[in-house]
Amino acid sequence: VLLSLGLGGRILHFSSSPDTYLHNHEGLSIRYDKSLKNKHREKEKRR
């Protein structure tokens, strides 16, 4: 959606299960920066 509209933005997750990122106590924040040609994924440590 962000790519189609040419916008920068993020999605931030809170749910967890034994087979997901958050089970390892690491928040996952994923960002699209319209200045980049491709989607940019990043893991960010959160308290």
All heavy atoms as atom14 arrays in JSON, in Angstrom:
{
  "sequence": "VLLSLGLGGRILHFSSSPDTYLHNHEGLSIRYDKSLKNKHREKEKRR",
  "atom14_mask": [
    [1, 1, 1, 1, 1, 1, 1, 0, 0, 0, 0, 0, 0, 0],
    [1, 1, 1, 1, 1, 1, 1, 1, 0, 0, 0, 0, 0, 0],
    [1, 1, 1, 1, 1, 1, 1, 1, 0, 0, 0, 0, 0, 0],
    [1, 1, 1, 1, 1, 1, 0, 0, 0, 0, 0, 0, 0, 0],
    [1, 1, 1, 1, 1, 1, 1, 1, 0, 0, 0, 0, 0, 0],
    [1, 1, 1, 1, 0, 0, 0, 0, 0, 0, 0, 0, 0, 0],
    [1, 1, 1, 1, 1, 1, 1, 1, 0, 0, 0, 0, 0, 0],
    [1, 1, 1, 1, 0, 0, 0, 0, 0, 0, 0, 0, 0, 0],
    [1, 1, 1, 1, 0, 0, 0, 0, 0, 0, 0, 0, 0, 0],
    [1, 1, 1, 1, 1, 1, 1, 1, 1, 1, 1, 0, 0, 0],
    [1, 1, 1, 1, 1, 1, 1, 1, 0, 0, 0, 0, 0, 0],
    [1, 1, 1, 1, 1, 1, 1, 1, 0, 0, 0, 0, 0, 0],
    [1, 1, 1, 1, 1, 1, 1, 1, 1, 1, 0, 0, 0, 0],
    [1, 1, 1, 1, 1, 1, 1, 1, 1, 1, 1, 0, 0, 0],
    [1, 1, 1, 1, 1, 1, 0, 0, 0, 0, 0, 0, 0, 0],
    [1, 1, 1, 1, 1, 1, 0, 0, 0, 0, 0, 0, 0, 0],
    [1, 1, 1, 1, 1, 1, 0, 0, 0, 0, 0, 0, 0, 0],
    [1, 1, 1, 1, 1, 1, 1, 0, 0, 0, 0, 0, 0, 0],
    [1, 1, 1, 1, 1, 1, 1, 1, 0, 0, 0, 0, 0, 0],
    [1, 1, 1, 1, 1, 1, 1, 0, 0, 0, 0, 0, 0, 0],
    [1, 1, 1, 1, 1, 1, 1, 1, 1, 1, 1, 1, 0, 0],
    [1, 1, 1, 1, 1, 1, 1, 1, 0, 0, 0, 0, 0, 0],
    [1, 1, 1, 1, 1, 1, 1, 1, 1, 1, 0, 0, 0, 0],
    [1, 1, 1, 1, 1, 1, 1, 1, 0, 0, 0, 0, 0, 0],
    [1, 1, 1, 1, 1, 1, 1, 1, 1, 1, 0, 0, 0, 0],
    [1, 1, 1, 1, 1, 1, 1, 1, 1, 0, 0, 0, 0, 0],
    [1, 1, 1, 1, 0, 0, 0, 0, 0, 0, 0, 0, 0, 0],
    [1, 1, 1, 1, 1, 1, 1, 1, 0, 0, 0, 0, 0, 0],
    [1, 1, 1, 1, 1, 1, 0, 0, 0, 0, 0, 0, 0, 0],
    [1, 1, 1, 1, 1, 1, 1, 1, 0, 0, 0, 0, 0, 0],
    [1, 1, 1, 1, 1, 1, 1, 1, 1, 1, 1, 0, 0, 0],
    [1, 1, 1, 1, 1, 1, 1, 1, 1, 1, 1, 1, 0, 0],
    [1, 1, 1, 1, 1, 1, 1, 1, 0, 0, 0, 0, 0, 0],
    [1, 1, 1, 1, 1, 1, 1, 1, 1, 0, 0, 0, 0, 0],
    [1, 1, 1, 1, 1, 1, 0, 0, 0, 0, 0, 0, 0, 0],
    [1, 1, 1, 1, 1, 1, 1, 1, 0, 0, 0, 0, 0, 0],
    [1, 1, 1, 1, 1, 1, 1, 1, 1, 0, 0, 0, 0, 0],
    [1, 1, 1, 1, 1, 1, 1, 1, 0, 0, 0, 0, 0, 0],
    [1, 1, 1, 1, 1, 1, 1, 1, 1, 0, 0, 0, 0, 0],
    [1, 1, 1, 1, 1, 1, 1, 1, 1, 1, 0, 0, 0, 0],
    [1, 1, 1, 1, 1, 1, 1, 1, 1, 1, 1, 0, 0, 0],
    [1, 1, 1, 1, 1, 1, 1, 1, 1, 0, 0, 0, 0, 0],
    [1, 1, 1, 1, 1, 1, 1, 1, 1, 0, 0, 0, 0, 0],
    [1, 1, 1, 1, 1, 1, 1, 1, 1, 0, 0, 0, 0, 0],
    [1, 1, 1, 1, 1, 1, 1, 1, 1, 0, 0, 0, 0, 0],
    [1, 1, 1, 1, 1, 1, 1, 1, 1, 1, 1, 0, 0, 0],
    [1, 1, 1, 1, 1, 1, 1, 1, 1, 1, 1, 0, 0, 0]
  ],
  "atom14_positions": [
    [[0.84, -1.21, 0.0], [0.0, 0.0, 0.0], [0.87, 1.25, 0.0], [0.65, 2.19, -0.78], [-0.95, 0.01, 1.22], [-1.57, 1.39, 1.4], [-2.03, -1.04, 1.06], [0.0, 0.0, 0.0], [0.0, 0.0, 0.0], [0.0, 0.0, 0.0], [0.0, 0.0, 0.0], [0.0, 0.0, 0.0], [0.0, 0.0, 0.0], [0.0, 0.0, 0.0]],
    [[1.87, 1.27, 0.89], [2.76, 2.43, 0.96], [3.48, 2.64, -0.37], [3.61, 3.78, -0.85], [3.79, 2.24, 2.08], [3.24, 2.13, 3.51], [4.38, 1.86, 4.49], [2.47, 3.37, 3.91], [0.0, 0.0, 0.0], [0.0, 0.0, 0.0], [0.0, 0.0, 0.0], [0.0, 0.0, 0.0], [0.0, 0.0, 0.0], [0.0, 0.0, 0.0]],
    [[3.91, 1.54, -0.97], [4.62, 1.62, -2.25], [3.71, 2.16, -3.34], [4.11, 3.01, -4.14], [5.14, 0.23, -2.62], [6.08, 0.12, -3.83], [7.36, 0.9, -3.58], [6.39, -1.33, -4.11], [0.0, 0.0, 0.0], [0.0, 0.0, 0.0], [0.0, 0.0, 0.0], [0.0, 0.0, 0.0], [0.0, 0.0, 0.0], [0.0, 0.0, 0.0]],
    [[2.48, 1.68, -3.38], [1.55, 2.12, -4.43], [1.17, 3.59, -4.3], [0.89, 4.25, -5.3], [0.28, 1.25, -4.4], [-0.48, 1.51, -3.23], [0.0, 0.0, 0.0], [0.0, 0.0, 0.0], [0.0, 0.0, 0.0], [0.0, 0.0, 0.0], [0.0, 0.0, 0.0], [0.0, 0.0, 0.0], [0.0, 0.0, 0.0], [0.0, 0.0, 0.0]],
    [[1.17, 4.09, -3.07], [0.82, 5.5, -2.84], [2.05, 6.4, -2.76], [1.9, 7.63, -2.65], [-0.01, 5.64, -1.56], [-1.36, 4.93, -1.53], [-2.04, 5.1, -0.18], [-2.28, 5.45, -2.64], [0.0, 0.0, 0.0], [0.0, 0.0, 0.0], [0.0, 0.0, 0.0], [0.0, 0.0, 0.0], [0.0, 0.0, 0.0], [0.0, 0.0, 0.0]],
    [[3.25, 5.8, -2.78], [4.48, 6.59, -2.7], [4.68, 7.24, -1.35], [5.14, 8.38, -1.26], [0.0, 0.0, 0.0], [0.0, 0.0, 0.0], [0.0, 0.0, 0.0], [0.0, 0.0, 0.0], [0.0, 0.0, 0.0], [0.0, 0.0, 0.0], [0.0, 0.0, 0.0], [0.0, 0.0, 0.0], [0.0, 0.0, 0.0], [0.0, 0.0, 0.0]],
    [[4.36, 6.5, -0.27], [4.45, 7.04, 1.09], [5.51, 6.31, 1.9], [5.79, 5.13, 1.65], [3.1, 6.91, 1.8], [1.88, 7.5, 1.1], [0.6, 7.11, 1.84], [1.99, 9.02, 1.0], [0.0, 0.0, 0.0], [0.0, 0.0, 0.0], [0.0, 0.0, 0.0], [0.0, 0.0, 0.0], [0.0, 0.0, 0.0], [0.0, 0.0, 0.0]],
    [[6.07, 6.98, 2.89], [6.92, 6.33, 3.87], [6.09, 5.96, 5.09], [5.17, 6.69, 5.45], [0.0, 0.0, 0.0], [0.0, 0.0, 0.0], [0.0, 0.0, 0.0], [0.0, 0.0, 0.0], [0.0, 0.0, 0.0], [0.0, 0.0, 0.0], [0.0, 0.0, 0.0], [0.0, 0.0, 0.0], [0.0, 0.0, 0.0], [0.0, 0.0, 0.0]],
    [[6.38, 4.82, 5.71], [5.59, 4.43, 6.87], [6.13, 3.19, 7.54], [7.17, 2.66, 7.16], [0.0, 0.0, 0.0], [0.0, 0.0, 0.0], [0.0, 0.0, 0.0], [0.0, 0.0, 0.0], [0.0, 0.0, 0.0], [0.0, 0.0, 0.0], [0.0, 0.0, 0.0], [0.0, 0.0, 0.0], [0.0, 0.0, 0.0], [0.0, 0.0, 0.0]],
    [[5.39, 2.71, 8.56], [5.84, 1.57, 9.35], [4.66, 0.68, 9.74], [3.5, 1.11, 9.73], [6.52, 2.03, 10.64], [7.92, 2.56, 10.51], [8.45, 2.97, 11.87], [9.8, 3.51, 11.8], [10.91, 2.79, 12.01], [10.82, 1.52, 12.28], [12.1, 3.36, 11.93], [0.0, 0.0, 0.0], [0.0, 0.0, 0.0], [0.0, 0.0, 0.0]],
    [[5.0, -0.54, 10.14], [4.07, -1.44, 10.82], [4.81, -1.98, 12.04], [6.0, -2.29, 11.97], [3.59, -2.57, 9.89], [2.62, -3.5, 10.64], [4.76, -3.36, 9.3], [1.91, -4.49, 9.71], [0.0, 0.0, 0.0], [0.0, 0.0, 0.0], [0.0, 0.0, 0.0], [0.0, 0.0, 0.0], [0.0, 0.0, 0.0], [0.0, 0.0, 0.0]],
    [[4.12, -2.07, 13.16], [4.74, -2.49, 14.41], [3.88, -3.57, 15.05], [2.68, -3.38, 15.25], [4.85, -1.28, 15.35], [5.63, -1.44, 16.65], [7.08, -1.8, 16.39], [5.56, -0.14, 17.46], [0.0, 0.0, 0.0], [0.0, 0.0, 0.0], [0.0, 0.0, 0.0], [0.0, 0.0, 0.0], [0.0, 0.0, 0.0], [0.0, 0.0, 0.0]],
    [[4.48, -4.72, 15.38], [3.73, -5.87, 15.88], [3.77, -5.99, 17.4], [4.75, -5.64, 18.03], [4.28, -7.15, 15.26], [4.01, -7.28, 13.81], [2.77, -7.58, 13.32], [4.81, -7.14, 12.73], [2.82, -7.63, 12.0], [4.05, -7.36, 11.61], [0.0, 0.0, 0.0], [0.0, 0.0, 0.0], [0.0, 0.0, 0.0], [0.0, 0.0, 0.0]],
    [[2.69, -6.6, 17.94], [2.59, -6.82, 19.39], [2.24, -8.25, 19.75], [2.46, -8.67, 20.88], [1.55, -5.89, 20.01], [1.82, -4.45, 19.73], [1.18, -3.81, 18.68], [2.75, -3.74, 20.47], [1.45, -2.48, 18.39], [3.02, -2.42, 20.18], [2.38, -1.78, 19.14], [0.0, 0.0, 0.0], [0.0, 0.0, 0.0], [0.0, 0.0, 0.0]],
    [[1.67, -8.99, 18.82], [1.25, -10.36, 19.12], [2.43, -11.31, 19.07], [3.46, -11.01, 18.48], [0.17, -10.81, 18.13], [-0.96, -9.99, 18.25], [0.0, 0.0, 0.0], [0.0, 0.0, 0.0], [0.0, 0.0, 0.0], [0.0, 0.0, 0.0], [0.0, 0.0, 0.0], [0.0, 0.0, 0.0], [0.0, 0.0, 0.0], [0.0, 0.0, 0.0]],
    [[2.26, -12.48, 19.68], [3.36, -13.44, 19.71], [2.83, -14.86, 19.74], [1.68, -15.12, 20.08], [4.24, -13.2, 20.94], [3.54, -13.5, 22.12], [0.0, 0.0, 0.0], [0.0, 0.0, 0.0], [0.0, 0.0, 0.0], [0.0, 0.0, 0.0], [0.0, 0.0, 0.0], [0.0, 0.0, 0.0], [0.0, 0.0, 0.0], [0.0, 0.0, 0.0]],
    [[3.7, -15.79, 19.37], [3.44, -17.21, 19.52], [4.8, -17.89, 19.52], [5.81, -17.25, 19.21], [2.56, -17.74, 18.37], [3.34, -18.01, 17.23], [0.0, 0.0, 0.0], [0.0, 0.0, 0.0], [0.0, 0.0, 0.0], [0.0, 0.0, 0.0], [0.0, 0.0, 0.0], [0.0, 0.0, 0.0], [0.0, 0.0, 0.0], [0.0, 0.0, 0.0]],
    [[4.89, -19.18, 19.83], [6.21, -19.84, 19.87], [6.97, -19.79, 18.55], [8.18, -19.99, 18.52], [5.86, -21.29, 20.25], [4.58, -21.16, 21.01], [3.83, -20.05, 20.34], [0.0, 0.0, 0.0], [0.0, 0.0, 0.0], [0.0, 0.0, 0.0], [0.0, 0.0, 0.0], [0.0, 0.0, 0.0], [0.0, 0.0, 0.0], [0.0, 0.0, 0.0]],
    [[6.27, -19.52, 17.44], [6.91, -19.55, 16.13], [7.1, -18.17, 15.51], [7.28, -18.03, 14.31], [6.07, -20.41, 15.18], [5.91, -21.82, 15.69], [6.94, -22.45, 16.0], [4.76, -22.28, 15.79], [0.0, 0.0, 0.0], [0.0, 0.0, 0.0], [0.0, 0.0, 0.0], [0.0, 0.0, 0.0], [0.0, 0.0, 0.0], [0.0, 0.0, 0.0]],
    [[7.06, -17.11, 16.33], [7.18, -15.77, 15.77], [8.3, -14.99, 16.41], [8.87, -15.37, 17.43], [5.86, -14.98, 15.98], [5.61, -14.87, 17.38], [4.69, -15.68, 15.32], [0.0, 0.0, 0.0], [0.0, 0.0, 0.0], [0.0, 0.0, 0.0], [0.0, 0.0, 0.0], [0.0, 0.0, 0.0], [0.0, 0.0, 0.0], [0.0, 0.0, 0.0]],
    [[8.6, -13.84, 15.81], [9.68, -12.98, 16.28], [9.53, -12.61, 17.75], [10.48, -12.66, 18.52], [9.68, -11.67, 15.48], [9.86, -11.82, 14.01], [8.77, -11.73, 13.15], [11.12, -12.03, 13.45], [8.94, -11.86, 11.77], [11.29, -12.16, 12.09], [10.2, -12.07, 11.25], [10.36, -12.19, 9.91], [0.0, 0.0, 0.0], [0.0, 0.0, 0.0]],
    [[8.34, -12.23, 18.13], [8.16, -11.67, 19.47], [8.33, -12.7, 20.56], [8.55, -12.35, 21.7], [6.78, -11.01, 19.58], [6.56, -9.81, 18.64], [5.24, -9.14, 18.95], [7.69, -8.81, 18.74], [0.0, 0.0, 0.0], [0.0, 0.0, 0.0], [0.0, 0.0, 0.0], [0.0, 0.0, 0.0], [0.0, 0.0, 0.0], [0.0, 0.0, 0.0]],
    [[8.22, -13.97, 20.21], [8.47, -15.0, 21.22], [9.93, -14.91, 21.69], [10.26, -15.3, 22.8], [8.18, -16.39, 20.64], [8.37, -17.49, 21.63], [7.52, -17.67, 22.7], [9.32, -18.45, 21.76], [7.92, -18.7, 23.42], [9.02, -19.19, 22.87], [0.0, 0.0, 0.0], [0.0, 0.0, 0.0], [0.0, 0.0, 0.0], [0.0, 0.0, 0.0]],
    [[10.8, -14.42, 20.84], [12.21, -14.24, 21.19], [12.46, -12.88, 21.85], [13.6, -12.43, 21.95], [13.08, -14.38, 19.94], [12.98, -15.76, 19.34], [12.94, -16.74, 20.07], [12.91, -15.84, 18.02], [0.0, 0.0, 0.0], [0.0, 0.0, 0.0], [0.0, 0.0, 0.0], [0.0, 0.0, 0.0], [0.0, 0.0, 0.0], [0.0, 0.0, 0.0]],
    [[11.37, -12.24, 22.26], [11.45, -10.98, 23.0], [12.13, -9.88, 22.18], [12.91, -9.08, 22.68], [12.18, -11.16, 24.35], [11.55, -12.22, 25.19], [12.21, -12.84, 26.21], [10.32, -12.79, 25.15], [11.41, -13.73, 26.76], [10.27, -13.71, 26.14], [0.0, 0.0, 0.0], [0.0, 0.0, 0.0], [0.0, 0.0, 0.0], [0.0, 0.0, 0.0]],
    [[11.85, -9.86, 20.91], [12.38, -8.81, 20.05], [11.24, -8.22, 19.25], [10.57, -8.9, 18.5], [13.43, -9.4, 19.09], [14.11, -8.34, 18.24], [15.18, -8.95, 17.37], [14.83, -9.62, 16.4], [16.36, -8.76, 17.68], [0.0, 0.0, 0.0], [0.0, 0.0, 0.0], [0.0, 0.0, 0.0], [0.0, 0.0, 0.0], [0.0, 0.0, 0.0]],
    [[10.99, -6.94, 19.46], [9.94, -6.28, 18.7], [10.33, -6.2, 17.24], [11.5, -6.05, 16.92], [0.0, 0.0, 0.0], [0.0, 0.0, 0.0], [0.0, 0.0, 0.0], [0.0, 0.0, 0.0], [0.0, 0.0, 0.0], [0.0, 0.0, 0.0], [0.0, 0.0, 0.0], [0.0, 0.0, 0.0], [0.0, 0.0, 0.0], [0.0, 0.0, 0.0]],
    [[9.37, -6.31, 16.36], [9.65, -6.22, 14.93], [8.99, -4.96, 14.38], [7.78, -4.81, 14.42], [9.12, -7.44, 14.19], [9.4, -7.45, 12.7], [10.89, -7.66, 12.47], [8.61, -8.54, 12.01], [0.0, 0.0, 0.0], [0.0, 0.0, 0.0], [0.0, 0.0, 0.0], [0.0, 0.0, 0.0], [0.0, 0.0, 0.0], [0.0, 0.0, 0.0]],
    [[9.8, -4.06, 13.89], [9.29, -2.86, 13.24], [9.75, -2.9, 11.79], [10.93, -3.07, 11.51], [9.84, -1.6, 13.92], [9.44, -0.45, 13.2], [0.0, 0.0, 0.0], [0.0, 0.0, 0.0], [0.0, 0.0, 0.0], [0.0, 0.0, 0.0], [0.0, 0.0, 0.0], [0.0, 0.0, 0.0], [0.0, 0.0, 0.0], [0.0, 0.0, 0.0]],
    [[8.83, -2.77, 10.86], [9.15, -2.84, 9.45], [8.77, -1.52, 8.79], [7.69, -0.99, 9.01], [8.43, -4.0, 8.78], [8.93, -5.31, 9.39], [8.66, -4.01, 7.29], [8.34, -6.53, 8.81], [0.0, 0.0, 0.0], [0.0, 0.0, 0.0], [0.0, 0.0, 0.0], [0.0, 0.0, 0.0], [0.0, 0.0, 0.0], [0.0, 0.0, 0.0]],
    [[9.7, -1.01, 8.0], [9.53, 0.33, 7.46], [9.67, 0.33, 5.94], [10.49, -0.39, 5.39], [10.59, 1.25, 8.06], [10.6, 2.66, 7.47], [11.68, 3.5, 8.15], [11.69, 4.85, 7.64], [10.83, 5.79, 7.95], [9.86, 5.52, 8.79], [10.9, 7.0, 7.45], [0.0, 0.0, 0.0], [0.0, 0.0, 0.0], [0.0, 0.0, 0.0]],
    [[8.85, 1.15, 5.3], [9.08, 1.44, 3.9], [9.46, 2.91, 3.79], [8.75, 3.79, 4.27], [7.82, 1.19, 3.05], [7.96, 1.78, 1.66], [8.87, 1.23, 0.77], [7.24, 2.89, 1.28], [9.04, 1.78, -0.49], [7.39, 3.46, 0.02], [8.3, 2.89, -0.86], [8.47, 3.45, -2.1], [0.0, 0.0, 0.0], [0.0, 0.0, 0.0]],
    [[10.6, 3.16, 3.2], [11.07, 4.53, 3.0], [10.99, 4.83, 1.51], [11.63, 4.16, 0.7], [12.52, 4.67, 3.5], [12.99, 6.12, 3.5], [12.49, 6.9, 2.66], [13.84, 6.45, 4.33], [0.0, 0.0, 0.0], [0.0, 0.0, 0.0], [0.0, 0.0, 0.0], [0.0, 0.0, 0.0], [0.0, 0.0, 0.0], [0.0, 0.0, 0.0]],
    [[10.18, 5.82, 1.14], [9.97, 6.08, -0.29], [11.23, 6.57, -0.99], [11.29, 6.61, -2.22], [8.83, 7.08, -0.49], [9.09, 8.48, 0.01], [7.9, 9.37, -0.3], [8.13, 10.8, 0.17], [6.98, 11.67, -0.16], [0.0, 0.0, 0.0], [0.0, 0.0, 0.0], [0.0, 0.0, 0.0], [0.0, 0.0, 0.0], [0.0, 0.0, 0.0]],
    [[12.26, 6.96, -0.21], [13.52, 7.37, -0.82], [14.33, 6.16, -1.29], [15.29, 6.29, -2.05], [14.34, 8.2, 0.16], [14.77, 7.39, 1.25], [0.0, 0.0, 0.0], [0.0, 0.0, 0.0], [0.0, 0.0, 0.0], [0.0, 0.0, 0.0], [0.0, 0.0, 0.0], [0.0, 0.0, 0.0], [0.0, 0.0, 0.0], [0.0, 0.0, 0.0]],
    [[13.94, 4.95, -0.81], [14.6, 3.72, -1.22], [13.82, 3.07, -2.36], [12.6, 3.23, -2.45], [14.7, 2.75, -0.04], [15.44, 3.27, 1.2], [15.31, 2.26, 2.32], [16.91, 3.53, 0.89], [0.0, 0.0, 0.0], [0.0, 0.0, 0.0], [0.0, 0.0, 0.0], [0.0, 0.0, 0.0], [0.0, 0.0, 0.0], [0.0, 0.0, 0.0]],
    [[14.5, 2.34, -3.2], [13.83, 1.69, -4.32], [13.02, 0.48, -3.86], [12.02, 0.13, -4.47], [14.86, 1.27, -5.37], [15.49, 2.44, -6.1], [16.43, 1.95, -7.2], [17.05, 3.13, -7.94], [17.97, 2.68, -9.02], [0.0, 0.0, 0.0], [0.0, 0.0, 0.0], [0.0, 0.0, 0.0], [0.0, 0.0, 0.0], [0.0, 0.0, 0.0]],
    [[13.49, -0.17, -2.82], [12.84, -1.39, -2.37], [12.33, -1.25, -0.94], [12.69, -0.32, -0.22], [13.81, -2.58, -2.44], [14.32, -2.81, -3.84], [13.53, -2.85, -4.78], [15.62, -2.96, -3.99], [0.0, 0.0, 0.0], [0.0, 0.0, 0.0], [0.0, 0.0, 0.0], [0.0, 0.0, 0.0], [0.0, 0.0, 0.0], [0.0, 0.0, 0.0]],
    [[11.51, -2.2, -0.56], [11.06, -2.25, 0.83], [12.26, -2.52, 1.73], [13.15, -3.26, 1.38], [10.02, -3.37, 1.01], [8.77, -3.19, 0.18], [7.95, -4.45, 0.21], [6.82, -4.38, -0.8], [6.09, -5.65, -0.87], [0.0, 0.0, 0.0], [0.0, 0.0, 0.0], [0.0, 0.0, 0.0], [0.0, 0.0, 0.0], [0.0, 0.0, 0.0]],
    [[12.24, -1.92, 2.88], [13.38, -2.05, 3.8], [12.88, -2.63, 5.11], [12.04, -2.04, 5.79], [14.01, -0.67, 4.03], [15.11, -0.7, 5.06], [16.24, -1.46, 4.92], [15.23, -0.04, 6.24], [17.02, -1.27, 5.98], [16.43, -0.42, 6.79], [0.0, 0.0, 0.0], [0.0, 0.0, 0.0], [0.0, 0.0, 0.0], [0.0, 0.0, 0.0]],
    [[13.39, -3.8, 5.46], [12.99, -4.44, 6.71], [14.07, -4.23, 7.76], [15.25, -4.31, 7.48], [12.79, -5.95, 6.5], [11.76, -6.29, 5.45], [11.71, -7.79, 5.24], [10.84, -8.13, 4.13], [9.53, -8.29, 4.23], [8.94, -8.16, 5.4], [8.8, -8.6, 3.19], [0.0, 0.0, 0.0], [0.0, 0.0, 0.0], [0.0, 0.0, 0.0]],
    [[13.65, -3.97, 8.95], [14.62, -3.81, 10.03], [14.03, -4.32, 11.33], [12.85, -4.15, 11.6], [15.03, -2.35, 10.17], [13.9, -1.41, 10.56], [14.34, 0.04, 10.62], [15.35, 0.37, 9.98], [13.66, 0.81, 11.31], [0.0, 0.0, 0.0], [0.0, 0.0, 0.0], [0.0, 0.0, 0.0], [0.0, 0.0, 0.0], [0.0, 0.0, 0.0]],
    [[14.88, -4.97, 12.1], [14.47, -5.38, 13.44], [14.99, -4.33, 14.41], [16.13, -3.92, 14.33], [15.05, -6.75, 13.79], [14.45, -7.89, 13.01], [15.05, -9.21, 13.44], [14.46, -10.36, 12.64], [15.06, -11.65, 13.04], [0.0, 0.0, 0.0], [0.0, 0.0, 0.0], [0.0, 0.0, 0.0], [0.0, 0.0, 0.0], [0.0, 0.0, 0.0]],
    [[14.15, -3.9, 15.29], [14.61, -2.91, 16.26], [14.36, -3.43, 17.67], [13.29, -3.94, 17.98], [13.94, -1.55, 16.04], [12.46, -1.51, 16.31], [11.89, -0.12, 16.16], [12.48, 0.69, 15.42], [10.86, 0.14, 16.78], [0.0, 0.0, 0.0], [0.0, 0.0, 0.0], [0.0, 0.0, 0.0], [0.0, 0.0, 0.0], [0.0, 0.0, 0.0]],
    [[15.37, -3.32, 18.5], [15.24, -3.75, 19.89], [14.36, -2.75, 20.63], [14.52, -1.54, 20.5], [16.62, -3.8, 20.55], [17.53, -4.88, 19.99], [17.11, -6.26, 20.49], [18.1, -7.32, 20.06], [17.72, -8.66, 20.57], [0.0, 0.0, 0.0], [0.0, 0.0, 0.0], [0.0, 0.0, 0.0], [0.0, 0.0, 0.0], [0.0, 0.0, 0.0]],
    [[13.45, -3.28, 21.39], [12.61, -2.4, 22.2], [12.59, -2.9, 23.63], [12.71, -4.1, 23.88], [11.18, -2.38, 21.65], [11.04, -1.65, 20.34], [9.6, -1.61, 19.92], [9.14, -2.92, 19.51], [7.88, -3.31, 19.59], [6.97, -2.53, 20.1], [7.52, -4.51, 19.19], [0.0, 0.0, 0.0], [0.0, 0.0, 0.0], [0.0, 0.0, 0.0]],
    [[12.42, -1.98, 24.53], [12.36, -2.37, 25.94], [11.08, -3.14, 26.2], [10.01, -2.78, 25.73], [12.4, -1.11, 26.82], [12.44, -1.41, 28.3], [13.14, -0.27, 29.03], [12.49, 1.0, 28.78], [11.51, 1.5, 29.54], [11.12, 0.82, 30.6], [10.98, 2.66, 29.3], [0.0, 0.0, 0.0], [0.0, 0.0, 0.0], [0.0, 0.0, 0.0]]
  ]
}
